[in-house]
Each structure stands twice: as structure tokens, then as C-alpha cells.
Amino acid sequence: MNEEQICDFGLHAGEPYSRLPACFLNWMVETNHEKRDLAKNELNRREEAVSNSRCVQS
């Protein structure tokens, strides 16, 4: 996704999904929010970033 998605509702309206709290993104997924796919994508992006940042020991 080249263009950063912006949350357009609630307490976090106007904030990019990349800056939303994980608990808010998880709430969107758990409650089957209409924009849950955006939340899932952001949670997956964060998980991949953590995975990719782990040091590999040789």
C-alpha cells in the first residue's frame, strides 16, 4: 500500500492506521467492523516488521 490509509471515524479520526493503538485495531477486527481489513493489514504489517527486525545469530 503506497498511500497511507487514514482512520475516518471515532476517537482516532484523522490519524493514519500506522499510528493507531493495537488495542483499537484489535477491537475493529474482533467486532467485525466494516473497515476491519484495514486494521488486519496494519496488524500484519507490524507483526512482519517485528519478525524482520529480529537478529539472526550464527
PDB file of N, CA and C in Angstrom:
ATOM      1  N   MET A   1       0.858  -1.168   0.000  1.00  0.00           N
ATOM      2  CA  MET A   1       0.000   0.000   0.000  1.00  0.00           C
ATOM      3  C   MET A   1       0.904   1.231   0.000  1.00  0.00           C
ATOM      4  N   ASN A   2       0.905   1.991  -1.039  1.00  0.00           N
ATOM      5  CA  ASN A   2       1.741   3.178  -1.157  1.00  0.00           C
ATOM      6  C   ASN A   2       1.148   4.360  -0.409  1.00  0.00           C
ATOM      7  N   GLU A   3      -0.151   4.520  -0.503  1.00  0.00           N
ATOM      8  CA  GLU A   3      -0.825   5.628   0.149  1.00  0.00           C
ATOM      9  C   GLU A   3      -1.236   5.199   1.546  1.00  0.00           C
ATOM     10  N   GLU A   4      -0.878   5.982   2.540  1.00  0.00           N
ATOM     11  CA  GLU A   4      -1.232   5.625   3.906  1.00  0.00           C
ATOM     12  C   GLU A   4      -2.720   5.869   4.134  1.00  0.00           C
ATOM     13  N   GLN A   5      -3.380   4.874   4.680  1.00  0.00           N
ATOM     14  CA  GLN A   5      -4.809   4.975   4.969  1.00  0.00           C
ATOM     15  C   GLN A   5      -5.012   5.785   6.250  1.00  0.00           C
ATOM     16  N   ILE A   6      -6.052   6.601   6.250  1.00  0.00           N
ATOM     17  CA  ILE A   6      -6.373   7.453   7.395  1.00  0.00           C
ATOM     18  C   ILE A   6      -7.690   6.984   8.005  1.00  0.00           C
ATOM     19  N   CYS A   7      -7.691   6.862   9.321  1.00  0.00           N
ATOM     20  CA  CYS A   7      -8.914   6.490  10.037  1.00  0.00           C
ATOM     21  C   CYS A   7      -9.911   7.647   9.904  1.00  0.00           C
ATOM     22  N   ASP A   8     -11.149   7.307   9.598  1.00  0.00           N
ATOM     23  CA  ASP A   8     -12.141   8.368   9.366  1.00  0.00           C
ATOM     24  C   ASP A   8     -13.322   8.315  10.327  1.00  0.00           C
ATOM     25  N   PHE A   9     -13.105   7.723  11.516  1.00  0.00           N
ATOM     26  CA  PHE A   9     -14.200   7.651  12.475  1.00  0.00           C
ATOM     27  C   PHE A   9     -13.660   7.617  13.902  1.00  0.00           C
ATOM     28  N   GLY A  10     -14.536   7.955  14.833  1.00  0.00           N
ATOM     29  CA  GLY A  10     -14.260   7.791  16.256  1.00  0.00           C
ATOM     30  C   GLY A  10     -13.132   8.654  16.807  1.00  0.00           C
ATOM     31  N   LEU A  11     -12.634   8.216  17.937  1.00  0.00           N
ATOM     32  CA  LEU A  11     -11.601   8.925  18.689  1.00  0.00           C
ATOM     33  C   LEU A  11     -10.343   9.179  17.865  1.00  0.00           C
ATOM     34  N   HIS A  12     -10.031   8.283  16.938  1.00  0.00           N
ATOM     35  CA  HIS A  12      -8.787   8.376  16.170  1.00  0.00           C
ATOM     36  C   HIS A  12      -8.988   8.911  14.754  1.00  0.00           C
ATOM     37  N   ALA A  13     -10.122   9.538  14.506  1.00  0.00           N
ATOM     38  CA  ALA A  13     -10.385  10.105  13.174  1.00  0.00           C
ATOM     39  C   ALA A  13      -9.263  11.061  12.786  1.00  0.00           C
ATOM     40  N   GLY A  14      -8.791  10.921  11.559  1.00  0.00           N
ATOM     41  CA  GLY A  14      -7.735  11.779  11.049  1.00  0.00           C
ATOM     42  C   GLY A  14      -6.334  11.233  11.248  1.00  0.00           C
ATOM     43  N   GLU A  15      -6.210  10.150  12.000  1.00  0.00           N
ATOM     44  CA  GLU A  15      -4.893   9.556  12.244  1.00  0.00           C
ATOM     45  C   GLU A  15      -4.637   8.428  11.249  1.00  0.00           C
ATOM     46  N   PRO A  16      -3.387   8.271  10.822  1.00  0.00           N
ATOM     47  CA  PRO A  16      -3.068   7.143   9.946  1.00  0.00           C
ATOM     48  C   PRO A  16      -3.158   5.826  10.728  1.00  0.00           C
ATOM     49  N   TYR A  17      -3.541   4.777  10.032  1.00  0.00           N
ATOM     50  CA  TYR A  17      -3.657   3.468  10.676  1.00  0.00           C
ATOM     51  C   TYR A  17      -2.336   3.042  11.311  1.00  0.00           C
ATOM     52  N   SER A  18      -1.231   3.464  10.750  1.00  0.00           N
ATOM     53  CA  SER A  18       0.080   3.095  11.291  1.00  0.00           C
ATOM     54  C   SER A  18       0.329   3.683  12.679  1.00  0.00           C
ATOM     55  N   ARG A  19      -0.470   4.658  13.082  1.00  0.00           N
ATOM     56  CA  ARG A  19      -0.293   5.276  14.400  1.00  0.00           C
ATOM     57  C   ARG A  19      -1.396   4.906  15.381  1.00  0.00           C
ATOM     58  N   LEU A  20      -2.344   4.082  14.949  1.00  0.00           N
ATOM     59  CA  LEU A  20      -3.435   3.693  15.840  1.00  0.00           C
ATOM     60  C   LEU A  20      -2.949   2.662  16.847  1.00  0.00           C
ATOM     61  N   PRO A  21      -3.473   2.706  18.074  1.00  0.00           N
ATOM     62  CA  PRO A  21      -3.095   1.707  19.075  1.00  0.00           C
ATOM     63  C   PRO A  21      -3.534   0.307  18.639  1.00  0.00           C
ATOM     64  N   ALA A  22      -2.710  -0.680  18.963  1.00  0.00           N
ATOM     65  CA  ALA A  22      -3.031  -2.066  18.612  1.00  0.00           C
ATOM     66  C   ALA A  22      -4.373  -2.485  19.208  1.00  0.00           C
ATOM     67  N   CYS A  23      -4.692  -2.006  20.414  1.00  0.00           N
ATOM     68  CA  CYS A  23      -5.962  -2.396  21.033  1.00  0.00           C
ATOM     69  C   CYS A  23      -7.149  -1.897  20.205  1.00  0.00           C
ATOM     70  N   PHE A  24      -7.009  -0.739  19.576  1.00  0.00           N
ATOM     71  CA  PHE A  24      -8.071  -0.203  18.726  1.00  0.00           C
ATOM     72  C   PHE A  24      -8.197  -1.042  17.455  1.00  0.00           C
ATOM     73  N   LEU A  25      -7.061  -1.378  16.854  1.00  0.00           N
ATOM     74  CA  LEU A  25      -7.077  -2.223  15.657  1.00  0.00           C
ATOM     75  C   LEU A  25      -7.668  -3.595  15.972  1.00  0.00           C
ATOM     76  N   ASN A  26      -7.279  -4.164  17.110  1.00  0.00           N
ATOM     77  CA  ASN A  26      -7.834  -5.465  17.515  1.00  0.00           C
ATOM     78  C   ASN A  26      -9.333  -5.369  17.753  1.00  0.00           C
ATOM     79  N   TRP A  27      -9.781  -4.280  18.341  1.00  0.00           N
ATOM     80  CA  TRP A  27     -11.217  -4.075  18.553  1.00  0.00           C
ATOM     81  C   TRP A  27     -11.946  -4.078  17.213  1.00  0.00           C
ATOM     82  N   MET A  28     -11.384  -3.397  16.222  1.00  0.00           N
ATOM     83  CA  MET A  28     -12.008  -3.353  14.896  1.00  0.00           C
ATOM     84  C   MET A  28     -12.164  -4.763  14.325  1.00  0.00           C
ATOM     85  N   VAL A  29     -11.131  -5.576  14.469  1.00  0.00           N
ATOM     86  CA  VAL A  29     -11.174  -6.950  13.950  1.00  0.00           C
ATOM     87  C   VAL A  29     -12.191  -7.774  14.733  1.00  0.00           C
ATOM     88  N   GLU A  30     -12.126  -7.709  16.058  1.00  0.00           N
ATOM     89  CA  GLU A  30     -12.983  -8.530  16.918  1.00  0.00           C
ATOM     90  C   GLU A  30     -14.459  -8.197  16.789  1.00  0.00           C
ATOM     91  N   THR A  31     -14.781  -6.943  16.507  1.00  0.00           N
ATOM     92  CA  THR A  31     -16.188  -6.543  16.401  1.00  0.00           C
ATOM     93  C   THR A  31     -16.696  -6.585  14.963  1.00  0.00           C
ATOM     94  N   ASN A  32     -15.839  -7.096  14.072  1.00  0.00           N
ATOM     95  CA  ASN A  32     -16.231  -7.224  12.663  1.00  0.00           C
ATOM     96  C   ASN A  32     -16.579  -5.865  12.050  1.00  0.00           C
ATOM     97  N   HIS A  33     -15.813  -4.860  12.430  1.00  0.00           N
ATOM     98  CA  HIS A  33     -16.016  -3.502  11.919  1.00  0.00           C
ATOM     99  C   HIS A  33     -15.917  -3.500  10.399  1.00  0.00           C
ATOM    100  N   GLU A  34     -16.646  -2.613   9.753  1.00  0.00           N
ATOM    101  CA  GLU A  34     -16.650  -2.574   8.282  1.00  0.00           C
ATOM    102  C   GLU A  34     -15.264  -2.298   7.695  1.00  0.00           C
ATOM    103  N   LYS A  35     -14.372  -1.705   8.475  1.00  0.00           N
ATOM    104  CA  LYS A  35     -13.011  -1.432   7.993  1.00  0.00           C
ATOM    105  C   LYS A  35     -11.984  -2.360   8.645  1.00  0.00           C
ATOM    106  N   ARG A  36     -12.438  -3.532   9.065  1.00  0.00           N
ATOM    107  CA  ARG A  36     -11.565  -4.499   9.735  1.00  0.00           C
ATOM    108  C   ARG A  36     -10.393  -4.936   8.860  1.00  0.00           C
ATOM    109  N   ASP A  37     -10.578  -4.947   7.539  1.00  0.00           N
ATOM    110  CA  ASP A  37      -9.479  -5.357   6.659  1.00  0.00           C
ATOM    111  C   ASP A  37      -8.304  -4.382   6.746  1.00  0.00           C
ATOM    112  N   LEU A  38      -8.591  -3.106   6.884  1.00  0.00           N
ATOM    113  CA  LEU A  38      -7.511  -2.124   7.062  1.00  0.00           C
ATOM    114  C   LEU A  38      -6.784  -2.379   8.380  1.00  0.00           C
ATOM    115  N   ALA A  39      -7.548  -2.704   9.422  1.00  0.00           N
ATOM    116  CA  ALA A  39      -6.953  -2.997  10.726  1.00  0.00           C
ATOM    117  C   ALA A  39      -6.105  -4.262  10.651  1.00  0.00           C
ATOM    118  N   LYS A  40      -6.619  -5.305  10.003  1.00  0.00           N
ATOM    119  CA  LYS A  40      -5.862  -6.557   9.853  1.00  0.00           C
ATOM    120  C   LYS A  40      -4.566  -6.312   9.100  1.00  0.00           C
ATOM    121  N   ASN A  41      -4.645  -5.533   8.030  1.00  0.00           N
ATOM    122  CA  ASN A  41      -3.441  -5.239   7.248  1.00  0.00           C
ATOM    123  C   ASN A  41      -2.386  -4.539   8.091  1.00  0.00           C
ATOM    124  N   GLU A  42      -2.804  -3.597   8.911  1.00  0.00           N
ATOM    125  CA  GLU A  42      -1.851  -2.869   9.752  1.00  0.00           C
ATOM    126  C   GLU A  42      -1.262  -3.777  10.821  1.00  0.00           C
ATOM    127  N   LEU A  43      -2.087  -4.615  11.444  1.00  0.00           N
ATOM    128  CA  LEU A  43      -1.571  -5.547  12.449  1.00  0.00           C
ATOM    129  C   LEU A  43      -0.571  -6.513  11.818  1.00  0.00           C
ATOM    130  N   ASN A  44      -0.869  -6.996  10.623  1.00  0.00           N
ATOM    131  CA  ASN A  44       0.060  -7.889   9.918  1.00  0.00           C
ATOM    132  C   ASN A  44       1.359  -7.168   9.568  1.00  0.00           C
ATOM    133  N   ARG A  45       1.251  -5.910   9.148  1.00  0.00           N
ATOM    134  CA  ARG A  45       2.450  -5.132   8.819  1.00  0.00           C
ATOM    135  C   ARG A  45       3.357  -5.005  10.044  1.00  0.00           C
ATOM    136  N   ARG A  46       2.751  -4.747  11.189  1.00  0.00           N
ATOM    137  CA  ARG A  46       3.532  -4.608  12.423  1.00  0.00           C
ATOM    138  C   ARG A  46       4.190  -5.927  12.809  1.00  0.00           C
ATOM    139  N   GLU A  47       3.441  -7.009  12.675  1.00  0.00           N
ATOM    140  CA  GLU A  47       3.985  -8.327  13.017  1.00  0.00           C
ATOM    141  C   GLU A  47       5.180  -8.665  12.120  1.00  0.00           C
ATOM    142  N   GLU A  48       5.057  -8.372  10.831  1.00  0.00           N
ATOM    143  CA  GLU A  48       6.159  -8.618   9.897  1.00  0.00           C
ATOM    144  C   GLU A  48       7.367  -7.750  10.232  1.00  0.00           C
ATOM    145  N   ALA A  49       7.128  -6.515  10.625  1.00  0.00           N
ATOM    146  CA  ALA A  49       8.229  -5.619  10.981  1.00  0.00           C
ATOM    147  C   ALA A  49       8.995  -6.163  12.180  1.00  0.00           C
ATOM    148  N   VAL A  50       8.278  -6.707  13.153  1.00  0.00           N
ATOM    149  CA  VAL A  50       8.929  -7.288  14.327  1.00  0.00           C
ATOM    150  C   VAL A  50       9.718  -8.526  13.914  1.00  0.00           C
ATOM    151  N   SER A  51       9.107  -9.379  13.105  1.00  0.00           N
ATOM    152  CA  SER A  51       9.782 -10.590  12.634  1.00  0.00           C
ATOM    153  C   SER A  51      11.060 -10.253  11.883  1.00  0.00           C
ATOM    154  N   ASN A  52      10.988  -9.262  11.023  1.00  0.00           N
ATOM    155  CA  ASN A  52      12.139  -8.896  10.202  1.00  0.00           C
ATOM    156  C   ASN A  52      13.231  -8.184  10.983  1.00  0.00           C
ATOM    157  N   SER A  53      12.904  -7.679  12.156  1.00  0.00           N
ATOM    158  CA  SER A  53      13.900  -6.936  12.928  1.00  0.00           C
ATOM    159  C   SER A  53      14.661  -7.816  13.913  1.00  0.00           C
ATOM    160  N   ARG A  54      14.237  -9.059  14.039  1.00  0.00           N
ATOM    161  CA  ARG A  54      14.934  -9.959  14.966  1.00  0.00           C
ATOM    162  C   ARG A  54      16.329 -10.255  14.432  1.00  0.00           C
ATOM    163  N   CYS A  55      17.289 -10.245  15.322  1.00  0.00           N
ATOM    164  CA  CYS A  55      18.670 -10.543  14.936  1.00  0.00           C
ATOM    165  C   CYS A  55      18.829 -12.041  14.729  1.00  0.00           C
ATOM    166  N   VAL A  56      19.529 -12.379  13.688  1.00  0.00           N
ATOM    167  CA  VAL A  56      19.819 -13.784  13.410  1.00  0.00           C
ATOM    168  C   VAL A  56      21.222 -14.057  13.912  1.00  0.00           C
ATOM    169  N   GLN A  57      21.322 -15.039  14.804  1.00  0.00           N
ATOM    170  CA  GLN A  57      22.636 -15.379  15.345  1.00  0.00           C
ATOM    171  C   GLN A  57      23.222 -16.525  14.547  1.00  0.00           C
ATOM    172  N   SER A  58      24.523 -16.438  14.291  1.00  0.00           N
ATOM    173  CA  SER A  58      25.168 -17.521  13.543  1.00  0.00           C
ATOM    174  C   SER A  58      26.145 -18.280  14.397  1.00  0.00           C
TER     175      SER A  58
END
